[in-house]
Amino acid sequence: MTHVLKVFGVTVAEAARLLGVSPSHIYRLIASDPTFPKLRKVGRASRLDPQELREWYDAQLVPWHSGHGKRSRTSGLVFRSEISGSSASD
């Protein structure tokens, strides 16, 4: 499964599920955040590169004051472990 993600990428809906937000939020990030990964055409479909998505997410992390690891700067996003097999608090 991981190999398929690397070759074809993830859809906006899959990226939204991984980040714990709505697909419309992903489209807003694409439009408003120049650091957010760009959509790429794969045949007739549009995909996001999962590695770029993970790198973008990691760049959003800031230390969480309660000492429980890290938390996203953008809307408290919680990155699901499906992208790279590790948790967001790694």
PDB file of N, CA and C in Angstrom:
ATOM      1  N   MET A   1       0.813  -1.199   0.000  1.00  0.00           N
ATOM      2  CA  MET A   1       0.000   0.000   0.000  1.00  0.00           C
ATOM      3  C   MET A   1       0.854   1.260   0.000  1.00  0.00           C
ATOM      4  N   THR A   2       1.924   1.293   0.778  1.00  0.00           N
ATOM      5  CA  THR A   2       2.795   2.461   0.832  1.00  0.00           C
ATOM      6  C   THR A   2       3.388   2.744  -0.538  1.00  0.00           C
ATOM      7  N   HIS A   3       3.772   1.695  -1.280  1.00  0.00           N
ATOM      8  CA  HIS A   3       4.336   1.869  -2.612  1.00  0.00           C
ATOM      9  C   HIS A   3       3.329   2.537  -3.538  1.00  0.00           C
ATOM     10  N   VAL A   4       2.089   2.156  -3.467  1.00  0.00           N
ATOM     11  CA  VAL A   4       1.043   2.750  -4.306  1.00  0.00           C
ATOM     12  C   VAL A   4       0.899   4.232  -3.985  1.00  0.00           C
ATOM     13  N   LEU A   5       0.943   4.613  -2.701  1.00  0.00           N
ATOM     14  CA  LEU A   5       0.854   6.015  -2.322  1.00  0.00           C
ATOM     15  C   LEU A   5       1.999   6.812  -2.920  1.00  0.00           C
ATOM     16  N   LYS A   6       3.216   6.254  -2.918  1.00  0.00           N
ATOM     17  CA  LYS A   6       4.371   6.966  -3.461  1.00  0.00           C
ATOM     18  C   LYS A   6       4.261   7.142  -4.962  1.00  0.00           C
ATOM     19  N   VAL A   7       3.747   6.152  -5.658  1.00  0.00           N
ATOM     20  CA  VAL A   7       3.654   6.218  -7.111  1.00  0.00           C
ATOM     21  C   VAL A   7       2.526   7.137  -7.551  1.00  0.00           C
ATOM     22  N   PHE A   8       1.345   6.968  -6.992  1.00  0.00           N
ATOM     23  CA  PHE A   8       0.177   7.699  -7.457  1.00  0.00           C
ATOM     24  C   PHE A   8      -0.198   8.894  -6.583  1.00  0.00           C
ATOM     25  N   GLY A   9       0.285   8.971  -5.374  1.00  0.00           N
ATOM     26  CA  GLY A   9      -0.068  10.062  -4.486  1.00  0.00           C
ATOM     27  C   GLY A   9      -1.401   9.826  -3.790  1.00  0.00           C
ATOM     28  N   VAL A  10      -1.850  10.850  -3.076  1.00  0.00           N
ATOM     29  CA  VAL A  10      -3.108  10.760  -2.350  1.00  0.00           C
ATOM     30  C   VAL A  10      -4.086  11.790  -2.903  1.00  0.00           C
ATOM     31  N   THR A  11      -5.357  11.457  -2.869  1.00  0.00           N
ATOM     32  CA  THR A  11      -6.393  12.381  -3.314  1.00  0.00           C
ATOM     33  C   THR A  11      -6.604  13.454  -2.250  1.00  0.00           C
ATOM     34  N   VAL A  12      -7.328  14.488  -2.611  1.00  0.00           N
ATOM     35  CA  VAL A  12      -7.666  15.535  -1.646  1.00  0.00           C
ATOM     36  C   VAL A  12      -8.466  14.927  -0.492  1.00  0.00           C
ATOM     37  N   ALA A  13      -9.391  14.038  -0.800  1.00  0.00           N
ATOM     38  CA  ALA A  13     -10.190  13.397   0.250  1.00  0.00           C
ATOM     39  C   ALA A  13      -9.308  12.571   1.187  1.00  0.00           C
ATOM     40  N   GLU A  14      -8.341  11.843   0.631  1.00  0.00           N
ATOM     41  CA  GLU A  14      -7.429  11.045   1.465  1.00  0.00           C
ATOM     42  C   GLU A  14      -6.549  11.956   2.314  1.00  0.00           C
ATOM     43  N   ALA A  15      -6.054  13.037   1.725  1.00  0.00           N
ATOM     44  CA  ALA A  15      -5.229  13.988   2.479  1.00  0.00           C
ATOM     45  C   ALA A  15      -6.039  14.595   3.624  1.00  0.00           C
ATOM     46  N   ALA A  16      -7.296  14.916   3.354  1.00  0.00           N
ATOM     47  CA  ALA A  16      -8.157  15.468   4.396  1.00  0.00           C
ATOM     48  C   ALA A  16      -8.328  14.471   5.541  1.00  0.00           C
ATOM     49  N   ARG A  17      -8.552  13.215   5.199  1.00  0.00           N
ATOM     50  CA  ARG A  17      -8.703  12.184   6.231  1.00  0.00           C
ATOM     51  C   ARG A  17      -7.412  12.041   7.040  1.00  0.00           C
ATOM     52  N   LEU A  18      -6.274  12.052   6.368  1.00  0.00           N
ATOM     53  CA  LEU A  18      -4.987  11.917   7.049  1.00  0.00           C
ATOM     54  C   LEU A  18      -4.713  13.081   8.002  1.00  0.00           C
ATOM     55  N   LEU A  19      -5.138  14.280   7.588  1.00  0.00           N
ATOM     56  CA  LEU A  19      -4.896  15.466   8.416  1.00  0.00           C
ATOM     57  C   LEU A  19      -6.016  15.741   9.405  1.00  0.00           C
ATOM     58  N   GLY A  20      -7.125  15.019   9.267  1.00  0.00           N
ATOM     59  CA  GLY A  20      -8.239  15.212  10.181  1.00  0.00           C
ATOM     60  C   GLY A  20      -9.025  16.485   9.912  1.00  0.00           C
ATOM     61  N   VAL A  21      -9.070  16.902   8.636  1.00  0.00           N
ATOM     62  CA  VAL A  21      -9.818  18.098   8.248  1.00  0.00           C
ATOM     63  C   VAL A  21     -10.739  17.749   7.086  1.00  0.00           C
ATOM     64  N   SER A  22     -11.514  18.719   6.624  1.00  0.00           N
ATOM     65  CA  SER A  22     -12.411  18.491   5.491  1.00  0.00           C
ATOM     66  C   SER A  22     -11.673  18.687   4.169  1.00  0.00           C
ATOM     67  N   PRO A  23     -12.179  18.087   3.094  1.00  0.00           N
ATOM     68  CA  PRO A  23     -11.584  18.331   1.776  1.00  0.00           C
ATOM     69  C   PRO A  23     -11.588  19.820   1.415  1.00  0.00           C
ATOM     70  N   SER A  24     -12.631  20.550   1.804  1.00  0.00           N
ATOM     71  CA  SER A  24     -12.657  21.981   1.489  1.00  0.00           C
ATOM     72  C   SER A  24     -11.526  22.724   2.201  1.00  0.00           C
ATOM     73  N   HIS A  25     -11.153  22.260   3.388  1.00  0.00           N
ATOM     74  CA  HIS A  25     -10.023  22.873   4.099  1.00  0.00           C
ATOM     75  C   HIS A  25      -8.726  22.628   3.324  1.00  0.00           C
ATOM     76  N   ILE A  26      -8.576  21.439   2.752  1.00  0.00           N
ATOM     77  CA  ILE A  26      -7.391  21.144   1.939  1.00  0.00           C
ATOM     78  C   ILE A  26      -7.327  22.094   0.749  1.00  0.00           C
ATOM     79  N   TYR A  27      -8.455  22.292   0.065  1.00  0.00           N
ATOM     80  CA  TYR A  27      -8.477  23.222  -1.066  1.00  0.00           C
ATOM     81  C   TYR A  27      -8.138  24.648  -0.623  1.00  0.00           C
ATOM     82  N   ARG A  28      -8.601  25.054   0.563  1.00  0.00           N
ATOM     83  CA  ARG A  28      -8.250  26.385   1.076  1.00  0.00           C
ATOM     84  C   ARG A  28      -6.755  26.479   1.338  1.00  0.00           C
ATOM     85  N   LEU A  29      -6.166  25.412   1.895  1.00  0.00           N
ATOM     86  CA  LEU A  29      -4.720  25.412   2.127  1.00  0.00           C
ATOM     87  C   LEU A  29      -3.953  25.495   0.805  1.00  0.00           C
ATOM     88  N   ILE A  30      -4.404  24.750  -0.195  1.00  0.00           N
ATOM     89  CA  ILE A  30      -3.754  24.780  -1.508  1.00  0.00           C
ATOM     90  C   ILE A  30      -3.782  26.203  -2.070  1.00  0.00           C
ATOM     91  N   ALA A  31      -4.917  26.887  -1.908  1.00  0.00           N
ATOM     92  CA  ALA A  31      -5.081  28.229  -2.463  1.00  0.00           C
ATOM     93  C   ALA A  31      -4.357  29.310  -1.653  1.00  0.00           C
ATOM     94  N   SER A  32      -4.254  29.133  -0.335  1.00  0.00           N
ATOM     95  CA  SER A  32      -3.767  30.226   0.500  1.00  0.00           C
ATOM     96  C   SER A  32      -2.372  30.034   1.093  1.00  0.00           C
ATOM     97  N   ASP A  33      -1.882  28.823   1.159  1.00  0.00           N
ATOM     98  CA  ASP A  33      -0.585  28.557   1.791  1.00  0.00           C
ATOM     99  C   ASP A  33       0.427  28.158   0.726  1.00  0.00           C
ATOM    100  N   PRO A  34       1.374  29.050   0.408  1.00  0.00           N
ATOM    101  CA  PRO A  34       2.348  28.733  -0.647  1.00  0.00           C
ATOM    102  C   PRO A  34       3.272  27.563  -0.285  1.00  0.00           C
ATOM    103  N   THR A  35       3.329  27.198   0.994  1.00  0.00           N
ATOM    104  CA  THR A  35       4.186  26.077   1.388  1.00  0.00           C
ATOM    105  C   THR A  35       3.460  24.734   1.316  1.00  0.00           C
ATOM    106  N   PHE A  36       2.127  24.768   1.131  1.00  0.00           N
ATOM    107  CA  PHE A  36       1.363  23.522   1.064  1.00  0.00           C
ATOM    108  C   PHE A  36       1.644  22.830  -0.262  1.00  0.00           C
ATOM    109  N   PRO A  37       1.752  21.489  -0.275  1.00  0.00           N
ATOM    110  CA  PRO A  37       2.038  20.768  -1.525  1.00  0.00           C
ATOM    111  C   PRO A  37       1.023  21.097  -2.624  1.00  0.00           C
ATOM    112  N   LYS A  38       1.527  21.147  -3.835  1.00  0.00           N
ATOM    113  CA  LYS A  38       0.684  21.445  -4.995  1.00  0.00           C
ATOM    114  C   LYS A  38       0.050  20.169  -5.530  1.00  0.00           C
ATOM    115  N   LEU A  39      -1.149  20.333  -6.067  1.00  0.00           N
ATOM    116  CA  LEU A  39      -1.817  19.212  -6.730  1.00  0.00           C
ATOM    117  C   LEU A  39      -1.095  18.888  -8.023  1.00  0.00           C
ATOM    118  N   ARG A  40      -0.956  17.609  -8.308  1.00  0.00           N
ATOM    119  CA  ARG A  40      -0.341  17.152  -9.550  1.00  0.00           C
ATOM    120  C   ARG A  40      -1.331  16.270 -10.287  1.00  0.00           C
ATOM    121  N   LYS A  41      -1.336  16.383 -11.582  1.00  0.00           N
ATOM    122  CA  LYS A  41      -2.205  15.545 -12.403  1.00  0.00           C
ATOM    123  C   LYS A  41      -1.562  14.172 -12.588  1.00  0.00           C
ATOM    124  N   VAL A  42      -2.341  13.141 -12.344  1.00  0.00           N
ATOM    125  CA  VAL A  42      -1.940  11.760 -12.590  1.00  0.00           C
ATOM    126  C   VAL A  42      -3.041  11.199 -13.479  1.00  0.00           C
ATOM    127  N   GLY A  43      -2.773  11.213 -14.778  1.00  0.00           N
ATOM    128  CA  GLY A  43      -3.835  10.872 -15.719  1.00  0.00           C
ATOM    129  C   GLY A  43      -4.895  11.951 -15.654  1.00  0.00           C
ATOM    130  N   ARG A  44      -6.129  11.564 -15.390  1.00  0.00           N
ATOM    131  CA  ARG A  44      -7.216  12.535 -15.275  1.00  0.00           C
ATOM    132  C   ARG A  44      -7.461  12.963 -13.829  1.00  0.00           C
ATOM    133  N   ALA A  45      -6.744  12.355 -12.904  1.00  0.00           N
ATOM    134  CA  ALA A  45      -6.944  12.633 -11.481  1.00  0.00           C
ATOM    135  C   ALA A  45      -5.898  13.624 -10.960  1.00  0.00           C
ATOM    136  N   SER A  46      -6.221  14.305  -9.880  1.00  0.00           N
ATOM    137  CA  SER A  46      -5.282  15.192  -9.194  1.00  0.00           C
ATOM    138  C   SER A  46      -4.853  14.531  -7.898  1.00  0.00           C
ATOM    139  N   ARG A  47      -3.568  14.596  -7.619  1.00  0.00           N
ATOM    140  CA  ARG A  47      -3.018  13.948  -6.424  1.00  0.00           C
ATOM    141  C   ARG A  47      -2.025  14.863  -5.721  1.00  0.00           C
ATOM    142  N   LEU A  48      -1.847  14.605  -4.428  1.00  0.00           N
ATOM    143  CA  LEU A  48      -0.827  15.260  -3.625  1.00  0.00           C
ATOM    144  C   LEU A  48       0.256  14.235  -3.317  1.00  0.00           C
ATOM    145  N   ASP A  49       1.499  14.674  -3.334  1.00  0.00           N
ATOM    146  CA  ASP A  49       2.606  13.786  -3.002  1.00  0.00           C
ATOM    147  C   ASP A  49       2.595  13.539  -1.496  1.00  0.00           C
ATOM    148  N   PRO A  50       2.504  12.282  -1.053  1.00  0.00           N
ATOM    149  CA  PRO A  50       2.407  12.008   0.392  1.00  0.00           C
ATOM    150  C   PRO A  50       3.650  12.429   1.168  1.00  0.00           C
ATOM    151  N   GLN A  51       4.830  12.350   0.551  1.00  0.00           N
ATOM    152  CA  GLN A  51       6.051  12.775   1.237  1.00  0.00           C
ATOM    153  C   GLN A  51       6.049  14.292   1.437  1.00  0.00           C
ATOM    154  N   GLU A  52       5.644  15.036   0.411  1.00  0.00           N
ATOM    155  CA  GLU A  52       5.547  16.488   0.549  1.00  0.00           C
ATOM    156  C   GLU A  52       4.504  16.868   1.593  1.00  0.00           C
ATOM    157  N   LEU A  53       3.409  16.134   1.625  1.00  0.00           N
ATOM    158  CA  LEU A  53       2.358  16.382   2.610  1.00  0.00           C
ATOM    159  C   LEU A  53       2.899  16.165   4.023  1.00  0.00           C
ATOM    160  N   ARG A  54       3.627  15.086   4.216  1.00  0.00           N
ATOM    161  CA  ARG A  54       4.222  14.796   5.532  1.00  0.00           C
ATOM    162  C   ARG A  54       5.239  15.868   5.915  1.00  0.00           C
ATOM    163  N   GLU A  55       6.084  16.291   4.959  1.00  0.00           N
ATOM    164  CA  GLU A  55       7.076  17.325   5.241  1.00  0.00           C
ATOM    165  C   GLU A  55       6.402  18.653   5.598  1.00  0.00           C
ATOM    166  N   TRP A  56       5.328  18.995   4.875  1.00  0.00           N
ATOM    167  CA  TRP A  56       4.591  20.215   5.188  1.00  0.00           C
ATOM    168  C   TRP A  56       4.033  20.126   6.599  1.00  0.00           C
ATOM    169  N   TYR A  57       3.421  18.997   6.913  1.00  0.00           N
ATOM    170  CA  TYR A  57       2.831  18.827   8.241  1.00  0.00           C
ATOM    171  C   TYR A  57       3.893  18.938   9.334  1.00  0.00           C
ATOM    172  N   ASP A  58       5.010  18.265   9.145  1.00  0.00           N
ATOM    173  CA  ASP A  58       6.081  18.311  10.142  1.00  0.00           C
ATOM    174  C   ASP A  58       6.570  19.740  10.366  1.00  0.00           C
ATOM    175  N   ALA A  59       6.587  20.552   9.300  1.00  0.00           N
ATOM    176  CA  ALA A  59       7.017  21.950   9.424  1.00  0.00           C
ATOM    177  C   ALA A  59       6.011  22.779  10.216  1.00  0.00           C
ATOM    178  N   GLN A  60       4.773  22.295  10.349  1.00  0.00           N
ATOM    179  CA  GLN A  60       3.743  23.020  11.091  1.00  0.00           C
ATOM    180  C   GLN A  60       3.789  22.735  12.585  1.00  0.00           C
ATOM    181  N   LEU A  61       4.539  21.724  12.996  1.00  0.00           N
ATOM    182  CA  LEU A  61       4.546  21.314  14.395  1.00  0.00           C
ATOM    183  C   LEU A  61       5.317  22.287  15.275  1.00  0.00           C
ATOM    184  N   VAL A  62       4.773  22.549  16.428  1.00  0.00           N
ATOM    185  CA  VAL A  62       5.428  23.371  17.447  1.00  0.00           C
ATOM    186  C   VAL A  62       5.324  22.624  18.772  1.00  0.00           C
ATOM    187  N   PRO A  63       6.250  22.866  19.703  1.00  0.00           N
ATOM    188  CA  PRO A  63       6.147  22.180  20.998  1.00  0.00           C
ATOM    189  C   PRO A  63       4.825  22.493  21.685  1.00  0.00           C
ATOM    190  N   TRP A  64       4.259  21.495  22.292  1.00  0.00           N
ATOM    191  CA  TRP A  64       2.996  21.641  23.008  1.00  0.00           C
ATOM    192  C   TRP A  64       3.334  21.913  24.468  1.00  0.00           C
ATOM    193  N   HIS A  65       2.796  22.982  25.024  1.00  0.00           N
ATOM    194  CA  HIS A  65       3.193  23.451  26.355  1.00  0.00           C
ATOM    195  C   HIS A  65       2.973  22.452  27.469  1.00  0.00           C
ATOM    196  N   SER A  66       2.035  21.544  27.325  1.00  0.00           N
ATOM    197  CA  SER A  66       1.758  20.619  28.412  1.00  0.00           C
ATOM    198  C   SER A  66       2.764  19.469  28.468  1.00  0.00           C
ATOM    199  N   GLY A  67       3.755  19.473  27.560  1.00  0.00           N
ATOM    200  CA  GLY A  67       4.769  18.442  27.586  1.00  0.00           C
ATOM    201  C   GLY A  67       4.347  17.131  26.950  1.00  0.00           C
ATOM    202  N   HIS A  68       3.263  17.128  26.182  1.00  0.00           N
ATOM    203  CA  HIS A  68       2.776  15.902  25.549  1.00  0.00           C
ATOM    204  C   HIS A  68       3.196  15.804  24.094  1.00  0.00           C
ATOM    205  N   GLY A  69       4.390  16.221  23.763  1.00  0.00           N
ATOM    206  CA  GLY A  69       4.848  16.108  22.382  1.00  0.00           C
ATOM    207  C   GLY A  69       4.650  17.387  21.607  1.00  0.00           C
ATOM    208  N   LYS A  70       4.186  17.254  20.374  1.00  0.00           N
ATOM    209  CA  LYS A  70       4.055  18.401  19.492  1.00  0.00           C
ATOM    210  C   LYS A  70       2.644  18.511  18.972  1.00  0.00           C
ATOM    211  N   ARG A  71       2.271  19.704  18.569  1.00  0.00           N
ATOM    212  CA  ARG A  71       0.941  19.972  18.044  1.00  0.00           C
ATOM    213  C   ARG A  71       1.088  20.883  16.831  1.00  0.00           C
ATOM    214  N   SER A  72       0.180  20.776  15.909  1.00  0.00           N
ATOM    215  CA  SER A  72       0.230  21.585  14.703  1.00  0.00           C
ATOM    216  C   SER A  72      -0.110  23.032  14.983  1.00  0.00           C
ATOM    217  N   ARG A  73       0.551  23.942  14.271  1.00  0.00           N
ATOM    218  CA  ARG A  73       0.232  25.357  14.335  1.00  0.00           C
ATOM    219  C   ARG A  73      -1.066  25.662  13.614  1.00  0.00           C
ATOM    220  N   THR A  74      -1.437  24.839  12.648  1.00  0.00           N
ATOM    221  CA  THR A  74      -2.588  25.149  11.797  1.00  0.00           C
ATOM    222  C   THR A  74      -3.805  24.364  12.240  1.00  0.00           C
ATOM    223  N   SER A  75      -4.666  24.994  12.944  1.00  0.00           N
ATOM    224  CA  SER A  75      -5.972  24.451  13.325  1.00  0.00           C
ATOM    225  C   SER A  75      -5.898  23.195  14.175  1.00  0.00           C
ATOM    226  N   GLY A  76      -4.804  22.947  14.864  1.00  0.00           N
ATOM    227  CA  GLY A  76      -4.705  21.759  15.697  1.00  0.00           C
ATOM    228  C   GLY A  76      -4.789  20.468  14.908  1.00  0.00           C
ATOM    229  N   LEU A  77      -4.278  20.461  13.679  1.00  0.00           N
ATOM    230  CA  LEU A  77      -4.346  19.268  12.841  1.00  0.00           C
ATOM    231  C   LEU A  77      -3.687  18.081  13.521  1.00  0.00           C
ATOM    232  N   VAL A  78      -4.247  16.929  13.336  1.00  0.00           N
ATOM    233  CA  VAL A  78      -3.680  15.699  13.859  1.00  0.00           C
ATOM    234  C   VAL A  78      -3.354  14.817  12.671  1.00  0.00           C
ATOM    235  N   PHE A  79      -2.093  14.591  12.437  1.00  0.00           N
ATOM    236  CA  PHE A  79      -1.686  13.808  11.278  1.00  0.00           C
ATOM    237  C   PHE A  79      -1.790  12.333  11.609  1.00  0.00           C
ATOM    238  N   ARG A  80      -2.576  11.611  10.864  1.00  0.00           N
ATOM    239  CA  ARG A  80      -2.759  10.184  11.089  1.00  0.00           C
ATOM    240  C   ARG A  80      -1.504   9.439  10.650  1.00  0.00           C
ATOM    241  N   SER A  81      -1.246   8.307  11.235  1.00  0.00           N
ATOM    242  CA  SER A  81      -0.008   7.582  10.994  1.00  0.00           C
ATOM    243  C   SER A  81       0.031   6.856   9.661  1.00  0.00           C
ATOM    244  N   GLU A  82      -1.052   6.882   8.878  1.00  0.00           N
ATOM    245  CA  GLU A  82      -1.071   6.121   7.622  1.00  0.00           C
ATOM    246  C   GLU A  82      -0.047   6.589   6.608  1.00  0.00           C
ATOM    247  N   ILE A  83       0.354   7.848   6.639  1.00  0.00           N
ATOM    248  CA  ILE A  83       1.259   8.343   5.591  1.00  0.00           C
ATOM    249  C   ILE A  83       2.624   7.690   5.680  1.00  0.00           C
ATOM    250  N   SER A  84       3.246   7.655   6.851  1.00  0.00           N
ATOM    251  CA  SER A  84       4.593   7.096   6.903  1.00  0.00           C
ATOM    252  C   SER A  84       4.725   5.979   7.937  1.00  0.00           C
ATOM    253  N   GLY A  85       3.634   5.636   8.565  1.00  0.00           N
ATOM    254  CA  GLY A  85       3.691   4.565   9.551  1.00  0.00           C
ATOM    255  C   GLY A  85       4.183   4.999  10.903  1.00  0.00           C
ATOM    256  N   SER A  86       4.386   6.318  11.105  1.00  0.00           N
ATOM    257  CA  SER A  86       4.804   6.801  12.416  1.00  0.00           C
ATOM    258  C   SER A  86       3.792   7.799  12.919  1.00  0.00           C
ATOM    259  N   SER A  87       3.817   8.047  14.214  1.00  0.00           N
ATOM    260  CA  SER A  87       2.847   8.972  14.781  1.00  0.00           C
ATOM    261  C   SER A  87       3.360  10.406  14.692  1.00  0.00           C
ATOM    262  N   ALA A  88       2.453  11.355  14.829  1.00  0.00           N
ATOM    263  CA  ALA A  88       2.802  12.768  14.732  1.00  0.00           C
ATOM    264  C   ALA A  88       3.675  13.216  15.886  1.00  0.00           C
ATOM    265  N   SER A  89       3.738  12.472  16.969  1.00  0.00           N
ATOM    266  CA  SER A  89       4.538  12.881  18.110  1.00  0.00           C
ATOM    267  C   SER A  89       5.936  12.293  18.076  1.00  0.00           C
ATOM    268  N   ASP A  90       6.345  11.686  16.941  1.00  0.00           N
ATOM    269  CA  ASP A  90       7.689  11.123  16.813  1.00  0.00           C
ATOM    270  C   ASP A  90       8.733  12.207  16.940  1.00  0.00           C
TER     271      ASP A  90
END
